[in-house]
Protein backbone atom coordinates (compact mmCIF):
# COMPACT_ATOMS: atom_id res chain seq x y z
CA MET A 1 26.68 29.08 35.14
CA LEU A 2 23.50 27.52 33.82
CA TYR A 3 21.95 27.30 37.29
CA SER A 4 22.18 29.61 40.26
CA GLN A 5 24.73 28.94 43.01
CA ASP A 6 21.84 28.34 45.43
CA VAL A 7 20.41 25.55 43.23
CA ILE A 8 23.84 23.91 42.73
CA SER A 9 24.63 24.05 46.48
CA GLU A 10 21.26 22.48 47.34
CA VAL A 11 21.81 19.61 44.94
CA LYS A 12 25.31 19.04 46.46
CA THR A 13 23.94 19.23 49.98
CA LEU A 14 21.51 16.40 49.16
CA ASN A 15 24.28 14.23 47.76
CA ASP A 16 26.82 13.39 50.42
CA ILE A 17 30.22 12.83 48.73
CA VAL A 18 31.03 9.74 50.87
CA ASP A 19 27.86 8.06 49.81
CA ILE A 20 28.34 8.97 46.17
CA VAL A 21 31.89 7.69 46.02
CA ALA A 22 30.84 4.46 47.76
CA SER A 23 27.96 3.90 45.30
CA TYR A 24 30.61 3.53 42.53
CA GLY A 25 32.15 0.56 44.31
CA VAL A 26 34.98 2.42 45.99
CA ARG A 27 35.57 0.78 49.40
CA LEU A 28 36.22 3.54 51.96
CA GLU A 29 37.41 3.15 55.55
CA PRO A 30 37.26 5.87 58.20
CA ARG A 31 40.69 7.09 59.14
CA SER A 32 41.69 10.33 61.08
CA GLY A 33 38.51 12.13 60.32
CA GLU A 34 38.55 11.15 56.64
CA HIS A 35 37.50 8.11 54.50
CA VAL A 36 40.34 6.42 52.62
CA GLY A 37 40.35 3.91 49.82
CA LEU A 38 41.87 2.80 46.49
CA CYS A 39 41.66 5.50 43.90
CA PRO A 40 39.11 4.77 41.13
CA PHE A 41 41.07 7.00 38.66
CA HIS A 42 44.40 5.13 38.61
CA ASN A 43 45.71 1.66 39.46
CA GLU A 44 47.18 1.46 43.02
CA LYS A 45 47.77 -1.11 45.76
CA THR A 46 48.15 1.24 48.67
CA ALA A 47 45.16 3.51 49.47
CA SER A 48 45.95 7.12 48.70
CA PHE A 49 42.43 8.32 47.87
CA SER A 50 40.81 10.39 50.58
CA VAL A 51 37.25 11.74 50.94
CA ASN A 52 36.55 14.43 53.43
CA ARG A 53 32.95 14.54 54.55
CA ASP A 54 33.19 17.90 56.38
CA LYS A 55 34.65 19.68 53.31
CA GLN A 56 32.70 17.53 50.81
CA MET A 57 35.90 17.05 48.80
CA PHE A 58 37.97 14.20 47.48
CA PHE A 59 41.67 14.12 46.72
CA CYS A 60 44.14 11.47 45.56
CA HIS A 61 47.60 11.86 46.85
CA GLY A 62 48.84 9.41 44.17
CA CYS A 63 47.49 10.81 40.87
CA GLY A 64 46.42 14.25 42.09
CA ALA A 65 42.74 13.84 41.06
CA GLY A 66 40.57 16.03 43.27
CA GLY A 67 37.23 18.02 43.47
CA ASN A 68 33.85 18.00 44.95
CA VAL A 69 30.90 15.60 44.42
CA LEU A 70 30.14 17.15 41.07
CA GLY A 71 33.73 16.78 39.97
CA PHE A 72 33.77 13.20 41.02
CA VAL A 73 30.64 12.33 39.07
CA ARG A 74 31.95 14.23 36.07
CA ARG A 75 35.09 12.19 36.05
CA MET A 76 33.42 8.84 36.66
CA GLU A 77 30.65 9.36 34.05
CA ASN A 78 32.65 11.54 31.51
CA LEU A 79 29.86 14.22 31.75
CA ASP A 80 29.87 17.92 31.50
CA PHE A 81 28.93 20.09 34.45
CA ALA A 82 25.26 20.37 33.58
CA ASP A 83 24.69 16.71 32.97
CA ALA A 84 26.55 15.75 36.16
CA LEU A 85 24.28 18.11 38.11
CA LYS A 86 21.17 16.66 36.48
CA LEU A 87 22.37 13.18 37.34
CA LEU A 88 22.80 14.08 41.01
CA ALA A 89 19.40 15.86 41.01
CA GLU A 90 17.62 12.92 39.64
CA ARG A 91 19.31 10.69 42.22
CA VAL A 92 17.58 12.58 45.06
CA HIS A 93 14.41 13.50 43.06
CA PHE A 94 15.25 17.22 43.01
CA ASN A 95 13.53 19.12 40.23
CA LEU A 96 15.97 21.51 38.59
CA PRO A 97 14.46 24.77 37.42
CA GLU A 98 14.08 25.38 33.70
CA LYS A 99 16.79 27.77 32.54
CA THR A 100 16.13 27.93 28.79
CA SER A 101 15.06 31.41 27.83
CA THR A 102 12.37 30.74 25.18
CA ARG A 103 9.50 28.36 24.79
CA GLU A 104 11.11 26.88 21.62
CA GLU A 105 14.40 26.15 23.57
CA LYS A 106 12.41 24.55 26.36
CA GLU A 107 10.47 22.38 23.99
CA ARG A 108 13.68 21.39 22.13
CA ALA A 109 15.50 20.50 25.33
CA ALA A 110 12.52 18.51 26.59
CA ALA A 111 12.26 16.69 23.23
CA GLN A 112 15.94 15.85 23.22
CA ALA A 113 15.80 14.48 26.76
CA SER A 114 12.73 12.44 25.98
CA GLU A 115 14.39 11.04 22.81
CA ARG A 116 17.52 10.00 24.71
CA LYS A 117 15.42 8.26 27.33
CA LEU A 118 13.41 6.41 24.64
CA CYS A 119 16.63 5.28 22.92
CA GLU A 120 18.00 4.06 26.18
CA GLU A 121 14.90 2.01 26.98
CA ILE A 122 14.53 0.60 23.43
CA ASN A 123 18.24 -0.35 23.23
CA LYS A 124 18.16 -2.19 26.57
CA LEU A 125 15.09 -4.18 25.44
CA VAL A 126 16.62 -5.10 22.06
CA ALA A 127 20.00 -5.92 23.47
CA ARG A 128 18.37 -8.50 25.63
CA PHE A 129 16.40 -9.82 22.59
CA PHE A 130 19.61 -10.19 20.57
CA TYR A 131 21.31 -11.85 23.49
CA ASP A 132 18.55 -14.42 23.88
CA ASN A 133 18.63 -15.08 20.10
CA LEU A 134 22.27 -16.21 20.38
CA TYR A 135 21.33 -19.01 22.76
CA GLU A 136 18.37 -20.30 20.78
CA GLU A 137 18.51 -22.92 18.07
CA SER A 138 18.89 -20.24 15.43
CA GLY A 139 22.04 -18.99 17.07
CA ALA A 140 23.88 -22.28 16.96
CA ALA A 141 26.03 -21.37 13.84
CA THR A 142 26.96 -18.00 15.41
CA ARG A 143 27.95 -19.61 18.73
CA GLU A 144 30.02 -22.14 16.85
CA TYR A 145 31.75 -19.28 14.94
CA LEU A 146 32.57 -17.57 18.31
CA GLU A 147 33.75 -20.78 19.93
CA ASN A 148 35.97 -21.62 16.97
CA ARG A 149 37.63 -18.31 17.53
CA GLY A 150 38.16 -19.07 21.21
CA VAL A 151 35.36 -16.87 22.60
CA LYS A 152 33.91 -18.85 25.54
CA PRO A 153 30.41 -18.43 26.86
CA GLU A 154 31.51 -16.37 29.85
CA LEU A 155 33.19 -13.89 27.50
CA MET A 156 30.04 -13.73 25.28
CA ARG A 157 28.03 -12.91 28.43
CA LYS A 158 30.71 -10.34 29.58
CA PHE A 159 30.27 -8.40 26.41
CA GLY A 160 26.53 -9.11 26.07
CA LEU A 161 27.10 -10.46 22.53
CA GLY A 162 23.89 -11.33 20.58
CA LEU A 163 22.41 -12.24 17.26
CA SER A 164 20.03 -10.38 14.94
CA ARG A 165 18.03 -13.03 13.05
CA ASP A 166 18.12 -13.01 9.30
CA GLU A 167 14.65 -11.50 9.14
CA TRP A 168 13.40 -8.28 7.59
CA SER A 169 10.83 -7.57 10.25
CA GLY A 170 12.06 -9.44 13.32
CA LEU A 171 11.54 -6.52 15.72
CA ALA A 172 7.96 -5.72 14.44
CA THR A 173 7.04 -9.42 14.82
CA ASN A 174 8.53 -9.86 18.30
CA PHE A 175 7.42 -6.46 19.69
CA PRO A 176 4.03 -5.75 18.13
CA GLU A 177 3.18 -3.51 21.10
CA ILE A 178 6.02 -1.03 20.24
CA SER A 179 5.52 1.41 17.39
CA LEU A 180 8.09 1.18 14.59
CA HIS A 181 8.69 4.83 14.89
CA LYS A 182 10.25 4.23 18.30
CA PHE A 183 12.60 1.61 16.79
CA GLU A 184 13.40 4.03 13.98
CA THR A 185 14.30 6.75 16.59
CA ALA A 186 16.77 4.42 18.19
CA GLY A 187 18.27 3.52 14.77
CA LEU A 188 17.14 -0.09 14.72
CA VAL A 189 14.77 -0.04 11.73
CA LYS A 190 14.83 1.85 8.47
CA LYS A 191 12.00 3.05 6.29
CA GLY A 192 11.92 1.47 2.75
CA GLN A 193 12.77 3.87 -0.10
CA LYS A 194 9.98 2.48 -2.40
CA SER A 195 7.33 1.80 0.23
CA SER A 196 6.06 3.22 3.55
CA GLY A 197 7.09 0.03 5.32
CA TYR A 198 9.96 -0.44 7.78
CA TYR A 199 12.68 -3.13 7.79
CA ASP A 200 15.30 -4.23 10.37
CA ARG A 201 18.65 -2.43 10.06
CA PHE A 202 20.54 -5.43 11.49
CA ARG A 203 19.81 -8.80 9.89
CA GLY A 204 21.80 -12.00 10.21
CA ARG A 205 24.59 -10.38 12.21
CA LEU A 206 26.61 -11.12 15.34
CA MET A 207 25.65 -8.22 17.55
CA PHE A 208 27.93 -6.14 19.78
CA PRO A 209 26.03 -3.90 22.15
CA ILE A 210 27.88 -0.59 22.77
CA ILE A 211 27.73 0.24 26.40
CA ASP A 212 28.78 3.49 28.00
CA THR A 213 30.45 3.86 31.45
CA ARG A 214 27.04 4.47 32.94
CA GLY A 215 26.08 0.95 31.89
CA ARG A 216 23.59 2.20 29.15
CA VAL A 217 23.37 0.44 25.86
CA ILE A 218 23.76 3.42 23.54
CA GLY A 219 24.05 1.62 20.24
CA PHE A 220 25.06 -1.48 18.36
CA GLY A 221 27.69 -2.84 16.02
CA GLY A 222 26.92 -5.91 13.84
CA ARG A 223 29.17 -8.34 12.00
CA THR A 224 27.49 -10.15 9.04
CA MET A 225 27.30 -13.93 9.43
CA LYS A 226 26.40 -14.34 5.76
CA GLU A 227 28.80 -15.82 3.26
CA ASP A 228 29.37 -14.24 -0.15
CA THR A 229 27.36 -11.21 0.64
CA LYS A 230 27.65 -7.74 -0.92
CA GLU A 231 26.68 -6.16 2.43
CA ALA A 232 29.28 -4.39 4.60
CA LYS A 233 31.13 -6.80 6.88
CA TYR A 234 30.50 -4.44 9.93
CA LEU A 235 27.64 -2.12 10.46
CA ASN A 236 27.07 0.46 13.26
CA SER A 237 23.99 2.09 14.58
CA PRO A 238 23.33 5.49 12.96
CA GLU A 239 23.78 8.64 15.03
CA THR A 240 20.89 9.08 17.43
CA ALA A 241 20.10 11.38 20.41
CA LEU A 242 21.96 8.83 22.52
CA PHE A 243 24.66 7.51 20.20
CA LYS A 244 27.52 9.55 18.61
CA LYS A 245 30.18 7.19 17.45
CA SER A 246 32.81 9.84 17.66
CA GLU A 247 32.01 10.25 21.40
CA CYS A 248 32.28 6.64 22.57
CA LEU A 249 34.87 3.82 22.69
CA TYR A 250 33.81 0.20 22.54
CA GLY A 251 34.67 -1.71 25.70
CA LEU A 252 35.58 1.33 27.84
CA ASN A 253 32.96 0.31 30.41
CA LEU A 254 35.03 -2.86 30.98
CA ALA A 255 38.44 -1.40 30.49
CA LYS A 256 37.83 1.17 33.33
CA LYS A 257 37.42 -1.78 35.66
CA ALA A 258 40.88 -2.97 34.86
CA ARG A 259 42.13 0.03 36.94
CA LYS A 260 45.26 0.51 34.83
CA ASP A 261 46.97 3.74 33.94
CA GLU A 262 47.46 2.45 30.39
CA ILE A 263 44.77 2.01 27.73
CA ILE A 264 45.20 -0.03 24.59
CA VAL A 265 43.32 1.18 21.50
CA VAL A 266 42.50 -1.11 18.64
CA GLU A 267 40.17 -0.88 15.65
CA GLY A 268 37.60 -3.71 15.53
CA TYR A 269 35.02 -5.16 17.83
CA MET A 270 36.50 -8.64 17.55
CA ASP A 271 40.01 -7.17 18.24
CA VAL A 272 38.64 -5.85 21.60
CA VAL A 273 36.95 -9.19 22.38
CA ALA A 274 40.15 -11.07 21.55
CA MET A 275 42.38 -8.84 23.59
CA HIS A 276 40.07 -9.30 26.62
CA MET A 277 40.01 -13.08 25.97
CA TYR A 278 43.83 -13.12 26.20
CA GLY A 279 43.89 -11.09 29.41
CA PHE A 280 44.52 -7.56 28.02
CA THR A 281 41.38 -6.21 29.66
CA ASN A 282 42.41 -2.59 29.44
CA THR A 283 41.56 -2.53 25.71
CA VAL A 284 39.01 -0.33 23.82
CA GLY A 285 38.10 0.10 20.28
CA VAL A 286 37.32 3.03 17.98
CA LEU A 287 34.10 2.50 16.03
CA GLY A 288 35.29 2.82 12.39
CA THR A 289 35.99 6.53 12.87
CA ALA A 290 39.16 8.69 13.25
CA MET A 291 40.53 9.37 16.67
CA ARG A 292 38.82 12.55 17.94
CA ASN A 293 39.39 14.89 20.86
CA THR A 294 36.29 13.37 22.52
CA HIS A 295 37.99 9.97 22.35
CA ALA A 296 41.18 11.36 23.90
CA ARG A 297 39.20 13.03 26.71
CA LEU A 298 37.32 9.73 27.34
CA ILE A 299 40.62 7.91 27.73
CA LYS A 300 42.09 10.63 29.99
CA ASN A 301 38.93 10.65 32.16
CA SER A 302 39.17 6.93 32.58
CA GLY A 303 42.35 7.48 34.57
CA ALA A 304 44.82 6.48 31.88
CA LYS A 305 48.10 8.24 31.47
CA THR A 306 49.44 6.21 28.63
CA VAL A 307 47.92 5.09 25.35
CA ILE A 308 49.19 2.20 23.18
CA LEU A 309 47.70 2.67 19.75
CA ILE A 310 47.34 -0.50 17.65
CA LEU A 311 45.76 0.17 14.28
CA ASP A 312 45.76 -2.14 11.23
CA SER A 313 49.09 -2.50 9.60
CA ASP A 314 47.86 -1.52 6.10
CA GLU A 315 48.41 1.95 4.65
CA ALA A 316 45.04 3.24 5.90
CA GLY A 317 45.97 2.09 9.50
CA MET A 318 49.31 3.86 9.27
CA ARG A 319 47.61 7.09 8.09
CA ALA A 320 44.98 6.76 10.95
CA ALA A 321 47.79 6.39 13.48
CA GLN A 322 49.53 9.55 12.25
CA ARG A 323 46.33 11.51 12.42
CA ALA A 324 45.70 10.28 15.96
CA ILE A 325 49.07 11.46 17.29
CA PRO A 326 48.31 15.23 17.70
CA VAL A 327 44.89 14.49 19.06
CA LEU A 328 46.20 12.29 21.94
CA ILE A 329 49.28 14.45 22.65
CA LYS A 330 47.06 17.47 23.00
CA GLU A 331 45.43 15.77 26.08
CA ASN A 332 48.94 15.28 27.57
CA LEU A 333 48.69 11.57 27.20
CA LYS A 334 51.94 9.57 26.78
CA LEU A 335 51.64 7.86 23.46
CA LYS A 336 53.13 4.61 22.00
CA ILE A 337 52.26 2.98 18.75
CA LEU A 338 52.51 -0.72 17.98
CA GLU A 339 52.92 -2.07 14.50
CA ILE A 340 52.03 -5.72 14.50
CA PRO A 341 54.37 -7.96 12.49
CA ASP A 342 53.14 -11.13 10.62
CA ALA A 343 49.47 -10.32 11.15
CA LYS A 344 46.92 -7.78 9.97
CA ASP A 345 45.48 -7.09 13.42
CA PRO A 346 45.73 -8.10 17.09
CA ASP A 347 43.06 -10.72 16.76
CA GLU A 348 45.02 -12.57 14.11
CA TYR A 349 48.35 -12.19 15.94
CA LEU A 350 47.00 -13.50 19.16
CA SER A 351 45.42 -16.55 17.56
CA LYS A 352 48.74 -17.26 15.79
CA PHE A 353 51.31 -16.55 18.49
CA GLY A 354 49.46 -16.22 21.82
CA ALA A 355 49.43 -13.80 24.80
CA SER A 356 53.07 -14.11 25.85
CA LYS A 357 54.51 -12.96 22.58
CA PHE A 358 51.94 -10.24 22.30
CA ALA A 359 52.87 -8.95 25.70
CA THR A 360 56.51 -8.73 24.48
CA LEU A 361 55.37 -6.67 21.52
CA LEU A 362 53.37 -4.29 23.81
CA ALA A 363 56.46 -3.89 26.11
CA ASN A 364 58.58 -2.91 23.01
CA ALA A 365 55.93 -0.48 21.48
CA LYS A 366 57.59 2.55 19.91
CA THR A 367 57.14 6.14 21.11
CA TYR A 368 55.10 8.22 18.75
CA LEU A 369 58.28 10.01 17.71
CA GLY A 370 60.04 6.72 17.01
CA PHE A 371 57.01 5.70 14.97
CA GLN A 372 56.96 8.90 12.97
CA LEU A 373 60.68 8.62 12.20
CA ASP A 374 60.31 5.01 11.10
CA VAL A 375 57.44 5.89 8.79
CA GLU A 376 59.46 8.85 7.30
CA LYS A 377 62.53 6.58 6.93
CA ARG A 378 60.63 4.14 4.73
CA LYS A 379 59.90 6.92 2.23
CA HIS A 380 63.53 7.52 1.43
CA ASP A 381 66.49 5.54 -0.12
CA LEU A 382 69.11 5.72 2.64
CA GLU A 383 71.68 4.16 0.37
CA SER A 384 71.78 7.35 -1.58
CA ALA A 385 73.15 10.78 -0.55
CA LYS A 386 70.03 12.58 -1.59
CA GLY A 387 67.78 10.06 0.23
CA LYS A 388 69.79 10.63 3.44
CA GLU A 389 69.57 14.40 3.11
CA ASN A 390 65.81 14.36 2.54
CA TYR A 391 65.20 11.99 5.42
CA ALA A 392 67.31 14.14 7.73
CA LYS A 393 65.39 17.28 6.78
CA ALA A 394 62.11 15.55 7.41
CA ALA A 395 63.37 14.20 10.71
CA VAL A 396 64.32 17.73 11.79
CA ASN A 397 60.68 18.86 11.29
CA ILE A 398 59.44 15.87 13.30
CA LEU A 399 61.76 16.64 16.25
CA LYS A 400 61.36 20.38 16.18
CA PRO A 401 58.36 20.45 18.72
CA ILE A 402 60.09 18.36 21.39
CA GLU A 403 60.63 20.40 24.62
CA SER A 404 63.11 18.08 26.33
CA ASN A 405 66.77 18.61 25.57
CA ILE A 406 67.60 15.01 26.47
CA GLU A 407 64.83 13.59 24.29
CA THR A 408 65.80 15.82 21.37
CA GLU A 409 69.43 14.67 21.48
CA ASN A 410 68.45 11.05 21.91
CA TYR A 411 66.39 11.04 18.70
CA ALA A 412 68.79 13.32 16.82
CA LEU A 413 71.51 10.80 17.56
CA GLU A 414 69.44 8.07 16.02
CA VAL A 415 69.00 10.19 12.79
CA SER A 416 72.73 10.84 12.88
CA ARG A 417 73.44 7.00 12.85
CA ASP A 418 70.97 6.42 10.03
CA THR A 419 72.29 9.20 7.77
CA GLY A 420 75.89 9.69 8.72
CA PHE A 421 75.37 13.44 9.33
CA SER A 422 76.97 14.75 12.54
CA LEU A 423 74.80 15.14 15.69
CA SER A 424 75.81 18.84 15.92
CA ALA A 425 74.56 19.50 12.41
CA ILE A 426 71.17 17.90 13.09
CA LEU A 427 70.79 19.72 16.39
CA SER A 428 71.77 22.95 14.78
CA ASP A 429 69.10 22.55 12.12
CA ILE A 430 66.50 21.72 14.76
CA ASN A 431 67.37 24.85 16.67
CA LYS A 432 67.14 26.95 13.54
CA LYS A 433 63.62 25.54 12.81
CA ARG A 434 62.73 26.51 16.39
CA GLY A 435 63.94 30.02 15.77
CA GLU A 436 66.70 29.59 18.36
CA PRO A 437 70.34 30.51 17.63
CA GLU A 438 71.25 27.82 20.13
CA ARG A 439 69.55 25.44 22.54
CA ILE A 440 69.45 27.18 25.98
CA PHE A 441 70.32 25.15 29.05
CA VAL A 442 69.43 26.63 32.37
CA SER A 443 70.61 25.65 35.82
CA MET A 444 67.71 24.66 38.13
CA ALA A 445 69.44 26.68 40.85
CA THR A 446 68.96 29.81 38.67
CA VAL A 447 65.34 29.44 37.84
CA ARG A 448 62.77 26.91 38.90
CA THR A 449 60.58 25.37 36.24
CA LYS A 450 56.81 25.51 36.16
CA ASN A 451 56.65 21.91 37.53
CA ASP A 452 58.96 22.47 40.45
CA SER A 453 57.28 21.27 43.70
CA GLY A 454 58.56 24.28 45.65
CA LEU A 455 56.95 26.80 43.18
CA LYS A 456 53.75 24.67 43.20
CA ASN A 457 53.54 24.82 47.02
CA PHE A 458 54.11 28.60 46.91
CA LYS A 459 51.28 29.00 44.40
CA ASN A 460 48.86 26.77 46.37
CA CYS A 461 49.67 28.65 49.57
CA LEU A 462 49.17 32.01 47.93
CA LEU A 463 45.84 30.99 46.34
CA HIS A 464 44.63 29.54 49.69
CA ILE A 465 45.23 32.92 51.27
CA VAL A 466 43.56 35.07 48.62
CA LEU A 467 40.59 32.68 48.14
CA THR A 468 39.78 32.60 51.86
CA SER A 469 40.58 36.22 52.72
CA LYS A 470 39.05 38.93 50.57
CA SER A 471 41.13 41.62 52.27
CA ALA A 472 44.29 39.68 51.27
CA ALA A 473 43.11 39.40 47.70
CA ARG A 474 42.36 43.10 47.53
CA ALA A 475 45.70 43.97 49.12
CA LEU A 476 47.63 41.76 46.60
CA GLU A 477 45.81 43.21 43.60
CA LYS A 478 46.36 46.84 44.88
CA SER A 479 50.05 46.26 45.53
CA GLU A 480 50.61 45.14 41.94
CA CYS A 481 53.24 42.80 43.38
CA LEU A 482 51.91 39.83 41.44
CA SER A 483 49.43 39.80 38.50
CA PRO A 484 47.59 36.73 37.26
CA ASP A 485 49.86 36.53 34.22
CA GLU A 486 52.93 36.32 36.51
CA ILE A 487 51.82 33.49 38.76
CA GLY A 488 52.63 30.95 36.09
CA GLY A 489 50.29 28.31 34.55
CA GLU A 490 46.89 28.93 32.93
CA SER A 491 44.92 27.25 35.74
CA TYR A 492 46.70 29.29 38.42
CA LYS A 493 46.10 32.44 36.41
CA LYS A 494 42.32 31.70 36.24
CA LEU A 495 42.19 31.09 40.00
CA LEU A 496 44.05 34.30 40.88
CA GLU A 497 41.75 36.26 38.51
CA PHE A 498 38.77 34.69 40.21
CA ALA A 499 40.13 35.64 43.68
CA PHE A 500 40.53 39.28 42.63
CA GLU A 501 37.06 39.42 41.09
CA HIS A 502 35.35 37.61 43.98
CA ALA A 503 37.01 40.01 46.51
CA LYS A 504 34.90 42.86 44.93
CA ASN A 505 31.51 41.50 46.05
CA THR A 506 30.01 40.50 49.37
CA GLN A 507 29.06 36.90 48.52
CA ILE A 508 30.85 34.34 50.66
CA LEU A 509 31.73 31.08 48.91
CA SER A 510 32.99 27.93 50.46
CA PRO A 511 35.89 26.11 48.76
CA ASN A 512 33.40 23.50 47.65
CA ASP A 513 31.32 26.18 45.96
CA ILE A 514 34.31 27.83 44.26
CA MET A 515 34.89 24.67 42.26
CA ASP A 516 31.52 25.10 40.58
CA PHE A 517 32.74 28.14 38.67
CA PHE A 518 35.34 25.94 36.82
CA GLU A 519 34.97 22.93 34.59
CA SER A 520 38.62 22.15 34.27
CA ASP A 521 39.77 18.91 36.06
CA GLU A 522 43.15 20.58 36.61
CA VAL A 523 41.60 23.52 38.44
CA HIS A 524 39.49 21.19 40.57
CA GLN A 525 42.75 19.22 41.43
CA ILE A 526 44.42 22.38 42.44
CA LEU A 527 41.60 23.55 44.56
CA ALA A 528 41.24 20.15 46.30
CA GLU A 529 44.96 20.13 47.03
CA ILE A 530 44.78 23.63 48.49
CA PHE A 531 41.82 23.01 50.71
CA ILE A 532 42.23 19.36 51.83
CA ASN A 533 45.17 20.25 54.17
CA PRO A 534 45.46 23.99 54.25
CA THR A 535 47.96 26.17 56.20
CA LYS A 536 46.19 27.57 59.25
CA TYR A 537 47.01 31.11 60.40
CA THR A 538 46.65 32.26 64.03
CA SER A 539 46.92 35.91 63.17
CA GLU A 540 46.62 38.37 60.22
CA ALA A 541 50.25 39.35 60.77
CA ALA A 542 51.39 35.82 60.03
CA MET A 543 49.20 35.67 56.95
CA GLU A 544 50.49 39.03 55.71
CA LYS A 545 54.09 37.95 56.22
CA ASP A 546 53.59 34.73 54.17
CA LEU A 547 51.74 36.64 51.43
CA ASN A 548 54.62 39.07 51.03
CA VAL A 549 57.33 36.23 51.01
CA ILE A 550 55.45 34.06 48.58
CA ALA A 551 54.22 36.74 46.15
CA LYS A 552 57.83 38.06 45.85
CA LYS A 553 59.19 34.56 45.28
CA LEU A 554 56.72 33.93 42.47
CA LYS A 555 57.34 37.42 41.03
CA GLU A 556 61.18 36.72 41.06
CA SER A 557 60.55 33.29 39.34
CA TRP A 558 58.48 34.91 36.67
CA LEU A 559 60.98 37.71 36.05
CA LEU A 560 63.86 35.19 35.77
CA SER A 561 61.87 33.28 33.16
CA GLN A 562 61.31 36.57 31.24
CA ILE A 563 64.94 37.48 31.42
CA LEU A 564 65.86 34.12 30.02
CA ALA A 565 63.34 34.52 27.19
CA LYS A 566 64.77 37.97 26.42
CA LYS A 567 68.38 36.79 26.55
CA ASN A 568 69.20 38.19 23.13
CA ASP A 569 67.43 41.53 23.76
CA THR A 570 69.91 43.37 25.97
CA ILE A 571 67.72 46.38 26.72
CA ALA A 572 64.63 44.32 27.69
CA ALA A 573 66.72 41.93 29.82
CA LYS A 574 68.26 44.82 31.66
CA SER A 575 64.91 46.33 32.37
CA LEU A 576 63.62 43.08 33.75
CA GLU A 577 66.67 42.58 35.89
CA SER A 578 66.17 46.05 37.31
CA GLN A 579 62.60 45.05 38.28
CA ARG A 580 63.92 41.84 39.90
CA LYS A 581 66.42 43.86 42.06
CA SER A 582 63.66 46.13 43.29
CA ILE A 583 61.20 43.34 44.41
CA ASN A 584 62.11 43.71 48.01
CA SER A 585 60.86 47.29 48.01
CA LEU A 586 57.34 46.03 47.26
CA ASN A 587 55.00 45.67 50.20
CA ILE A 588 51.54 44.07 50.63
CA SER A 589 49.58 45.39 53.63
CA LEU A 590 46.28 43.76 54.63
CA ARG A 591 45.17 47.17 55.84
CA ASP A 592 45.10 48.27 52.24
CA GLY A 593 42.50 45.48 51.64
């Protein structure tokens, strides 16, 4: 960790979690020793979000989000651990100790922080200047343009739209007290190539301030209002200490307030404004860049579980959609893709056909697999035998990664209908591509899956025991009854490894403090679920009994999964089966811990 546990604990102590959660507009009501309200991370009508002041933890029984005060701020602000700690420290005027090791690193860190602060202050000032320009006489034509597109004054104010006057030195003239170097740092002026003078980057443009989820103006986008110009139609702020266009989404600050578990992603600024204008307020825009992992994490951290991707219907838009698929899927987001008919973008479609027809389009958006199959299908002549064969082979590669048997068969059936090849032939080729002689179907009664609620409860109970009892952790490790690799799931593995390692030292950590050793939201959720309503033991004997039963159940589940994986390796499968039969001979004694 960048800071010592003592420092982190002190910052958390000074920031009561109930107060912090309430400061983000979450209305909490006292109930049975906890505070309960609507979850800020997903859309719900019945309160399932609870905050425990005694344990300084939050947990949502609806979406599973959980953690301590640092985890809450990280989720709400999309920050890493260090920045969340700094934000909480600043809130209570706590001076964090310098942790950089050299003078150069300290100076660089201080300079970067100072530069970000400068950009924030300058951008806020200039955003107001652009906003005021729009409502002056010089902004009449731009206001008329917006009104003709249906953008009413309240929506202009909602997005903070503005106007950069068609002047080369508008900022220097209106802010003579501010050095042009500061405007250059914020990306608002440029130095001339043939002279030492500066000129405004944005001139004669409708301005879109880009606001992050903390309410900071981090950059700008500008649409030219000039006719017959050779300038780019849209222009973004350059990269600054505050603005990285691959790390932000236009309109996310407003889309989060919609409190929906679905986010719609479009390309342009005006597409976002138009979508909000027609009631689709859960819409964000990428800023002229490809979808990145940072974008996907922003969407996930907003509480969304599903993404509907709407990119322009030209060839470039289709390529961008295909590149975005693996990025979004990697973050376990459910993905749909909408191709808009009879219009080049959402803005044009909405102005032509209205919100009702667009809502129907959204409801019928294709899954990403359906989209990929459609794109591939267009490349082949399905009237010819060779075209059908080539499409079927390409479809097999598309369907190969699917884990669900039902989903695989559903799409394979569609390919069978389009090509005339039998379903069994297509499934057989998919299985060959997977390296499987046949698709294996397993009875749930034989082996529980990693998502089974019974197994999950066993894992949570075992982790609660070994994270709160060092003797139990030492006894489990010594018994070799269950290793971290055998508990199932990367997050559970990390927690069991932590329990074993922590049991070797004398430091006592509270559940709240344990969270600070992990940055993963999934780990925080597991820990919150474990400790919000833990099993209470009245004696060591009762704890020891549960530890033995649960460890053996988890061990058996892992062995069954390994037997299944080694189904075609008779010797290995027999060895594993022998281990499974000897599980009951294993014994975990707290006296050994």
